[in-house]
Amino acid sequence: MSQSVVLKGAEVKCYVGGKLYSEVRSIQYTIDYGETEIFGIDSQFAQEIAPGRVQVQGTVSGLQIKMVGGLQAYDLRTKINEILHGPYVSLRLKDRHSDSDLFFLPQMKVTSESVSIAAKGVVTVSFQFKGIIPYNPLDLNG
């Protein structure tokens, strides 16, 4: 009988745009598969559940490091006057020990950014993103 091993956050590496994002403190993402019920005429109960539009969005929180350049250094954001040319970047979560993918989002855009500055505390940066086509481990191995 095999024993389950729980994955811990410290065992996860985050790559943004192919670069290790070591400043990360937490990641939260939601995949909404958009599945909706289909009802028959005059029916109170759904007949089946149909696939819909998949939406991916989330938040990455991290620390601000001096002299690094913030999100622009990771090519997550362009200069404010070049916003129409903002690139898609990837988000990849990997297991630090096995180097296997936990989650891969090949195309995402940063939709907003927030900064928190506390007196006698650390400066934190978090950004929200929306993505296209989320791949989970079996999607990539199959």
N, C-alpha and C. Protein backbone atom coordinates (compact mmCIF):
# COMPACT_ATOMS: atom_id res chain seq x y z
N MET A 1 0.84 -1.18 0.00
CA MET A 1 0.00 0.00 0.00
C MET A 1 0.89 1.25 0.00
N SER A 2 0.63 2.16 -0.93
CA SER A 2 1.44 3.36 -1.02
C SER A 2 0.95 4.41 -0.03
N GLN A 3 1.89 5.27 0.35
CA GLN A 3 1.56 6.32 1.30
C GLN A 3 1.53 7.65 0.58
N SER A 4 0.50 8.44 0.84
CA SER A 4 0.39 9.76 0.22
C SER A 4 1.37 10.72 0.87
N VAL A 5 1.95 11.58 0.05
CA VAL A 5 2.86 12.60 0.55
C VAL A 5 2.25 13.95 0.19
N VAL A 6 2.10 14.80 1.17
CA VAL A 6 1.48 16.11 0.96
C VAL A 6 2.52 17.07 0.39
N LEU A 7 2.12 17.80 -0.63
CA LEU A 7 2.98 18.80 -1.25
C LEU A 7 2.95 20.07 -0.41
N LYS A 8 4.12 20.64 -0.16
CA LYS A 8 4.22 21.88 0.62
C LYS A 8 4.61 23.02 -0.31
N GLY A 9 4.21 24.22 0.06
CA GLY A 9 4.50 25.39 -0.77
C GLY A 9 5.98 25.62 -1.00
N ALA A 10 6.82 25.28 -0.04
CA ALA A 10 8.26 25.47 -0.18
C ALA A 10 8.86 24.54 -1.23
N GLU A 11 8.12 23.52 -1.62
CA GLU A 11 8.61 22.56 -2.62
C GLU A 11 8.21 22.96 -4.03
N VAL A 12 7.58 24.12 -4.18
CA VAL A 12 7.08 24.55 -5.48
C VAL A 12 7.93 25.72 -5.98
N LYS A 13 8.39 25.63 -7.21
CA LYS A 13 9.11 26.73 -7.85
C LYS A 13 8.16 27.38 -8.85
N CYS A 14 8.25 28.70 -8.96
CA CYS A 14 7.40 29.45 -9.87
C CYS A 14 8.26 30.09 -10.95
N TYR A 15 7.90 29.84 -12.19
CA TYR A 15 8.57 30.46 -13.33
C TYR A 15 7.58 31.37 -14.04
N VAL A 16 7.99 32.61 -14.25
CA VAL A 16 7.16 33.56 -14.96
C VAL A 16 7.93 33.99 -16.20
N GLY A 17 7.36 33.73 -17.37
CA GLY A 17 8.04 34.06 -18.60
C GLY A 17 9.34 33.29 -18.77
N GLY A 18 9.41 32.10 -18.21
CA GLY A 18 10.61 31.27 -18.31
C GLY A 18 11.68 31.59 -17.30
N LYS A 19 11.50 32.64 -16.49
CA LYS A 19 12.48 33.03 -15.49
C LYS A 19 11.97 32.62 -14.11
N LEU A 20 12.88 32.13 -13.26
CA LEU A 20 12.50 31.78 -11.90
C LEU A 20 12.10 33.03 -11.16
N TYR A 21 10.88 33.03 -10.63
CA TYR A 21 10.38 34.18 -9.86
C TYR A 21 10.55 33.84 -8.39
N SER A 22 11.75 34.09 -7.87
CA SER A 22 12.08 33.66 -6.51
C SER A 22 11.46 34.55 -5.43
N GLU A 23 10.92 35.71 -5.82
CA GLU A 23 10.31 36.61 -4.85
C GLU A 23 8.91 36.19 -4.43
N VAL A 24 8.37 35.14 -5.04
CA VAL A 24 6.99 34.74 -4.80
C VAL A 24 6.79 34.27 -3.36
N ARG A 25 5.67 34.68 -2.78
CA ARG A 25 5.29 34.21 -1.44
C ARG A 25 4.05 33.35 -1.47
N SER A 26 3.15 33.65 -2.40
CA SER A 26 1.94 32.83 -2.51
C SER A 26 1.36 32.97 -3.92
N ILE A 27 0.67 31.94 -4.33
CA ILE A 27 0.00 31.92 -5.63
C ILE A 27 -1.39 31.35 -5.41
N GLN A 28 -2.35 31.99 -6.02
CA GLN A 28 -3.72 31.48 -5.98
C GLN A 28 -4.26 31.60 -7.40
N TYR A 29 -4.83 30.52 -7.90
CA TYR A 29 -5.44 30.61 -9.22
C TYR A 29 -6.73 29.81 -9.25
N THR A 30 -7.60 30.20 -10.14
CA THR A 30 -8.90 29.56 -10.30
C THR A 30 -9.09 29.23 -11.77
N ILE A 31 -9.51 28.02 -12.02
CA ILE A 31 -9.88 27.61 -13.37
C ILE A 31 -11.39 27.38 -13.36
N ASP A 32 -12.10 28.18 -14.12
CA ASP A 32 -13.55 28.02 -14.24
C ASP A 32 -13.79 27.34 -15.59
N TYR A 33 -14.25 26.12 -15.54
CA TYR A 33 -14.45 25.35 -16.77
C TYR A 33 -15.72 25.75 -17.51
N GLY A 34 -16.52 26.60 -16.93
CA GLY A 34 -17.67 27.17 -17.61
C GLY A 34 -18.77 26.19 -17.96
N GLU A 35 -18.84 25.10 -17.24
CA GLU A 35 -19.85 24.09 -17.55
C GLU A 35 -21.22 24.55 -17.05
N THR A 36 -22.20 24.45 -17.91
CA THR A 36 -23.54 24.92 -17.59
C THR A 36 -24.57 23.81 -17.81
N GLU A 37 -25.64 23.94 -17.07
CA GLU A 37 -26.70 22.95 -17.17
C GLU A 37 -27.56 23.22 -18.41
N ILE A 38 -28.05 22.16 -19.01
CA ILE A 38 -28.98 22.26 -20.12
C ILE A 38 -30.31 21.66 -19.65
N PHE A 39 -31.36 22.45 -19.76
CA PHE A 39 -32.68 22.04 -19.29
C PHE A 39 -33.58 21.73 -20.48
N GLY A 40 -34.44 20.76 -20.31
CA GLY A 40 -35.45 20.47 -21.31
C GLY A 40 -36.62 21.44 -21.16
N ILE A 41 -37.53 21.37 -22.09
CA ILE A 41 -38.70 22.24 -22.04
C ILE A 41 -39.53 21.89 -20.80
N ASP A 42 -39.89 22.90 -20.02
CA ASP A 42 -40.69 22.76 -18.81
C ASP A 42 -40.09 21.80 -17.78
N SER A 43 -38.77 21.66 -17.76
CA SER A 43 -38.11 20.76 -16.82
C SER A 43 -37.46 21.55 -15.70
N GLN A 44 -37.63 21.07 -14.48
CA GLN A 44 -36.98 21.69 -13.33
C GLN A 44 -35.56 21.18 -13.15
N PHE A 45 -35.28 20.04 -13.72
CA PHE A 45 -34.00 19.40 -13.51
C PHE A 45 -33.18 19.40 -14.79
N ALA A 46 -31.88 19.58 -14.61
CA ALA A 46 -30.99 19.63 -15.77
C ALA A 46 -30.95 18.26 -16.45
N GLN A 47 -30.89 18.26 -17.77
CA GLN A 47 -30.81 17.03 -18.55
C GLN A 47 -29.35 16.57 -18.68
N GLU A 48 -28.45 17.57 -18.82
CA GLU A 48 -27.03 17.26 -18.89
C GLU A 48 -26.23 18.53 -18.58
N ILE A 49 -24.94 18.36 -18.46
CA ILE A 49 -24.05 19.49 -18.22
C ILE A 49 -23.13 19.62 -19.42
N ALA A 50 -23.13 20.80 -20.03
CA ALA A 50 -22.37 21.02 -21.26
C ALA A 50 -21.13 21.87 -20.99
N PRO A 51 -20.06 21.60 -21.73
CA PRO A 51 -18.86 22.43 -21.57
C PRO A 51 -19.10 23.84 -22.08
N GLY A 52 -18.35 24.77 -21.53
CA GLY A 52 -18.48 26.17 -21.93
C GLY A 52 -17.11 26.80 -22.09
N ARG A 53 -17.04 28.08 -21.88
CA ARG A 53 -15.77 28.80 -22.00
C ARG A 53 -14.94 28.61 -20.74
N VAL A 54 -13.67 28.30 -20.92
CA VAL A 54 -12.76 28.12 -19.80
C VAL A 54 -12.11 29.47 -19.49
N GLN A 55 -12.14 29.85 -18.22
CA GLN A 55 -11.51 31.09 -17.78
C GLN A 55 -10.50 30.78 -16.68
N VAL A 56 -9.33 31.38 -16.79
CA VAL A 56 -8.27 31.20 -15.80
C VAL A 56 -7.88 32.57 -15.27
N GLN A 57 -7.86 32.69 -13.97
CA GLN A 57 -7.40 33.93 -13.37
C GLN A 57 -6.81 33.63 -12.00
N GLY A 58 -5.97 34.53 -11.53
CA GLY A 58 -5.34 34.29 -10.25
C GLY A 58 -4.55 35.48 -9.76
N THR A 59 -3.86 35.24 -8.65
CA THR A 59 -3.06 36.27 -8.00
C THR A 59 -1.73 35.67 -7.59
N VAL A 60 -0.67 36.41 -7.82
CA VAL A 60 0.66 36.04 -7.36
C VAL A 60 1.12 37.15 -6.43
N SER A 61 1.54 36.77 -5.23
CA SER A 61 2.04 37.74 -4.26
C SER A 61 3.52 37.47 -4.01
N GLY A 62 4.29 38.55 -3.90
CA GLY A 62 5.71 38.38 -3.68
C GLY A 62 6.30 39.58 -2.97
N LEU A 63 7.61 39.54 -2.81
CA LEU A 63 8.33 40.60 -2.14
C LEU A 63 8.97 41.52 -3.16
N GLN A 64 9.06 42.79 -2.82
CA GLN A 64 9.77 43.75 -3.68
C GLN A 64 11.25 43.72 -3.30
N ILE A 65 12.10 43.48 -4.27
CA ILE A 65 13.54 43.43 -4.06
C ILE A 65 14.15 44.73 -4.59
N LYS A 66 15.08 45.30 -3.86
CA LYS A 66 15.72 46.56 -4.29
C LYS A 66 16.48 46.37 -5.59
N MET A 67 16.41 47.36 -6.42
CA MET A 67 17.20 47.45 -7.65
C MET A 67 16.94 46.31 -8.64
N VAL A 68 15.77 45.71 -8.58
CA VAL A 68 15.46 44.62 -9.50
C VAL A 68 14.65 45.10 -10.69
N GLY A 69 13.74 46.02 -10.48
CA GLY A 69 12.96 46.54 -11.60
C GLY A 69 11.51 46.11 -11.59
N GLY A 70 11.10 45.38 -10.58
CA GLY A 70 9.69 45.00 -10.45
C GLY A 70 9.19 44.12 -11.58
N LEU A 71 7.92 44.25 -11.91
CA LEU A 71 7.29 43.41 -12.92
C LEU A 71 7.85 43.66 -14.32
N GLN A 72 8.33 44.87 -14.56
CA GLN A 72 8.90 45.17 -15.87
C GLN A 72 10.18 44.38 -16.12
N ALA A 73 10.93 44.10 -15.07
CA ALA A 73 12.16 43.32 -15.22
C ALA A 73 11.87 41.89 -15.65
N TYR A 74 10.71 41.38 -15.30
CA TYR A 74 10.31 40.03 -15.69
C TYR A 74 9.51 40.04 -16.99
N ASP A 75 9.46 41.17 -17.65
CA ASP A 75 8.71 41.34 -18.90
C ASP A 75 7.23 41.06 -18.71
N LEU A 76 6.74 41.29 -17.49
CA LEU A 76 5.31 41.11 -17.23
C LEU A 76 4.52 42.35 -17.64
N ARG A 77 5.15 43.49 -17.53
CA ARG A 77 4.52 44.73 -17.94
C ARG A 77 5.50 45.52 -18.79
N THR A 78 4.95 46.17 -19.78
CA THR A 78 5.76 47.07 -20.60
C THR A 78 5.71 48.46 -20.00
N LYS A 79 6.39 49.39 -20.60
CA LYS A 79 6.28 50.78 -20.17
C LYS A 79 4.83 51.21 -20.36
N ILE A 80 4.40 52.14 -19.56
CA ILE A 80 2.99 52.54 -19.56
C ILE A 80 2.55 53.09 -20.91
N ASN A 81 3.47 53.69 -21.67
CA ASN A 81 3.09 54.22 -22.99
C ASN A 81 3.20 53.17 -24.10
N GLU A 82 3.56 51.93 -23.74
CA GLU A 82 3.62 50.84 -24.72
C GLU A 82 2.63 49.73 -24.37
N ILE A 83 1.56 50.10 -23.68
CA ILE A 83 0.63 49.12 -23.14
C ILE A 83 -0.06 48.27 -24.22
N LEU A 84 -0.22 48.81 -25.42
CA LEU A 84 -0.85 48.04 -26.49
C LEU A 84 0.03 46.91 -27.00
N HIS A 85 1.32 47.00 -26.72
CA HIS A 85 2.25 45.98 -27.18
C HIS A 85 2.64 45.01 -26.07
N GLY A 86 1.85 44.98 -25.00
CA GLY A 86 2.16 44.12 -23.86
C GLY A 86 2.17 42.66 -24.27
N PRO A 87 3.22 41.94 -23.94
CA PRO A 87 3.36 40.55 -24.37
C PRO A 87 2.57 39.58 -23.48
N TYR A 88 2.28 38.42 -24.05
CA TYR A 88 1.82 37.30 -23.23
C TYR A 88 3.07 36.68 -22.60
N VAL A 89 2.95 36.20 -21.39
CA VAL A 89 4.03 35.48 -20.75
C VAL A 89 3.46 34.19 -20.18
N SER A 90 4.33 33.28 -19.82
CA SER A 90 3.88 32.00 -19.28
C SER A 90 4.02 31.98 -17.77
N LEU A 91 3.28 31.08 -17.15
CA LEU A 91 3.36 30.82 -15.71
C LEU A 91 3.49 29.32 -15.54
N ARG A 92 4.55 28.89 -14.89
CA ARG A 92 4.79 27.45 -14.69
C ARG A 92 5.10 27.19 -13.23
N LEU A 93 4.42 26.22 -12.65
CA LEU A 93 4.69 25.77 -11.29
C LEU A 93 5.29 24.39 -11.37
N LYS A 94 6.44 24.20 -10.71
CA LYS A 94 7.15 22.92 -10.77
C LYS A 94 7.43 22.41 -9.37
N ASP A 95 7.48 21.09 -9.26
CA ASP A 95 7.90 20.45 -8.03
C ASP A 95 9.41 20.57 -7.94
N ARG A 96 9.90 21.13 -6.86
CA ARG A 96 11.33 21.39 -6.69
C ARG A 96 12.15 20.09 -6.67
N HIS A 97 11.59 19.00 -6.16
CA HIS A 97 12.35 17.76 -6.04
C HIS A 97 12.35 16.93 -7.32
N SER A 98 11.18 16.76 -7.92
CA SER A 98 11.10 15.91 -9.11
C SER A 98 11.22 16.69 -10.41
N ASP A 99 11.15 18.03 -10.34
CA ASP A 99 11.20 18.92 -11.49
C ASP A 99 10.04 18.66 -12.47
N SER A 100 8.96 18.08 -11.96
CA SER A 100 7.79 17.85 -12.81
C SER A 100 6.83 19.03 -12.70
N ASP A 101 6.08 19.25 -13.77
CA ASP A 101 5.13 20.35 -13.80
C ASP A 101 3.93 20.07 -12.92
N LEU A 102 3.50 21.08 -12.17
CA LEU A 102 2.27 21.01 -11.40
C LEU A 102 1.16 21.76 -12.13
N PHE A 103 1.55 22.81 -12.85
CA PHE A 103 0.59 23.64 -13.57
C PHE A 103 1.37 24.45 -14.59
N PHE A 104 0.78 24.62 -15.78
CA PHE A 104 1.43 25.41 -16.82
C PHE A 104 0.39 26.22 -17.55
N LEU A 105 0.63 27.51 -17.61
CA LEU A 105 -0.24 28.44 -18.31
C LEU A 105 0.63 29.11 -19.38
N PRO A 106 0.52 28.67 -20.63
CA PRO A 106 1.44 29.16 -21.66
C PRO A 106 1.26 30.63 -22.02
N GLN A 107 0.05 31.15 -21.86
CA GLN A 107 -0.19 32.55 -22.20
C GLN A 107 -1.02 33.21 -21.12
N MET A 108 -0.45 34.25 -20.54
CA MET A 108 -1.20 35.03 -19.55
C MET A 108 -0.80 36.48 -19.68
N LYS A 109 -1.66 37.34 -19.15
CA LYS A 109 -1.38 38.77 -19.08
C LYS A 109 -1.68 39.25 -17.67
N VAL A 110 -0.86 40.16 -17.21
CA VAL A 110 -1.09 40.78 -15.91
C VAL A 110 -2.17 41.84 -16.10
N THR A 111 -3.23 41.73 -15.32
CA THR A 111 -4.35 42.66 -15.46
C THR A 111 -4.33 43.78 -14.44
N SER A 112 -3.70 43.55 -13.29
CA SER A 112 -3.57 44.62 -12.30
C SER A 112 -2.42 44.29 -11.35
N GLU A 113 -1.95 45.31 -10.69
CA GLU A 113 -0.82 45.17 -9.78
C GLU A 113 -1.12 45.98 -8.53
N SER A 114 -0.76 45.46 -7.37
CA SER A 114 -0.92 46.24 -6.15
C SER A 114 0.33 46.10 -5.31
N VAL A 115 0.66 47.17 -4.60
CA VAL A 115 1.86 47.23 -3.77
C VAL A 115 1.43 47.61 -2.37
N SER A 116 2.03 46.96 -1.37
CA SER A 116 1.75 47.26 0.02
C SER A 116 3.06 47.64 0.71
N ILE A 117 3.08 48.83 1.28
CA ILE A 117 4.27 49.32 1.97
C ILE A 117 3.88 49.57 3.42
N ALA A 118 4.47 48.82 4.32
CA ALA A 118 4.17 48.96 5.75
C ALA A 118 5.39 49.54 6.46
N ALA A 119 5.14 50.48 7.37
CA ALA A 119 6.24 51.02 8.17
C ALA A 119 6.87 49.88 8.97
N LYS A 120 8.17 49.81 8.94
CA LYS A 120 8.93 48.76 9.64
C LYS A 120 8.56 47.37 9.15
N GLY A 121 8.08 47.25 7.93
CA GLY A 121 7.74 45.95 7.36
C GLY A 121 8.34 45.82 5.98
N VAL A 122 8.06 44.74 5.33
CA VAL A 122 8.58 44.53 3.98
C VAL A 122 7.58 45.06 2.96
N VAL A 123 8.10 45.41 1.81
CA VAL A 123 7.26 45.86 0.71
C VAL A 123 6.82 44.64 -0.07
N THR A 124 5.53 44.49 -0.24
CA THR A 124 5.01 43.34 -1.00
C THR A 124 4.35 43.83 -2.27
N VAL A 125 4.45 42.98 -3.28
CA VAL A 125 3.85 43.25 -4.58
C VAL A 125 2.96 42.07 -4.92
N SER A 126 1.78 42.34 -5.40
CA SER A 126 0.95 41.25 -5.90
C SER A 126 0.36 41.68 -7.23
N PHE A 127 0.16 40.70 -8.10
CA PHE A 127 -0.45 41.01 -9.38
C PHE A 127 -1.50 39.98 -9.71
N GLN A 128 -2.53 40.44 -10.39
CA GLN A 128 -3.61 39.57 -10.84
C GLN A 128 -3.37 39.29 -12.32
N PHE A 129 -3.75 38.09 -12.73
CA PHE A 129 -3.55 37.71 -14.12
C PHE A 129 -4.77 36.99 -14.67
N LYS A 130 -4.85 36.98 -15.98
CA LYS A 130 -5.82 36.16 -16.71
C LYS A 130 -5.01 35.36 -17.71
N GLY A 131 -5.43 34.13 -17.94
CA GLY A 131 -4.64 33.27 -18.81
C GLY A 131 -5.48 32.52 -19.82
N ILE A 132 -4.75 31.88 -20.73
CA ILE A 132 -5.34 31.10 -21.81
C ILE A 132 -4.81 29.67 -21.73
N ILE A 133 -5.68 28.70 -21.81
CA ILE A 133 -5.38 27.27 -21.86
C ILE A 133 -4.53 26.79 -20.68
N PRO A 134 -5.17 26.44 -19.59
CA PRO A 134 -4.42 25.91 -18.43
C PRO A 134 -4.10 24.43 -18.61
N TYR A 135 -2.85 24.07 -18.43
CA TYR A 135 -2.45 22.68 -18.52
C TYR A 135 -2.13 22.15 -17.13
N ASN A 136 -2.72 21.03 -16.80
CA ASN A 136 -2.44 20.33 -15.57
C ASN A 136 -1.49 19.17 -15.87
N PRO A 137 -0.94 18.47 -14.85
CA PRO A 137 0.09 17.47 -15.10
C PRO A 137 -0.27 16.40 -16.13
N LEU A 138 -1.46 15.86 -16.08
CA LEU A 138 -1.81 14.80 -17.03
C LEU A 138 -2.03 15.33 -18.44
N ASP A 139 -2.40 16.60 -18.57
CA ASP A 139 -2.52 17.21 -19.90
C ASP A 139 -1.16 17.24 -20.59
N LEU A 140 -0.12 17.49 -19.82
CA LEU A 140 1.21 17.62 -20.39
C LEU A 140 1.87 16.27 -20.63
N ASN A 141 1.49 15.24 -19.87
CA ASN A 141 2.12 13.93 -20.02
C ASN A 141 1.40 13.02 -21.00
N GLY A 142 0.15 13.35 -21.30
CA GLY A 142 -0.66 12.47 -22.10
C GLY A 142 -0.42 12.62 -23.54
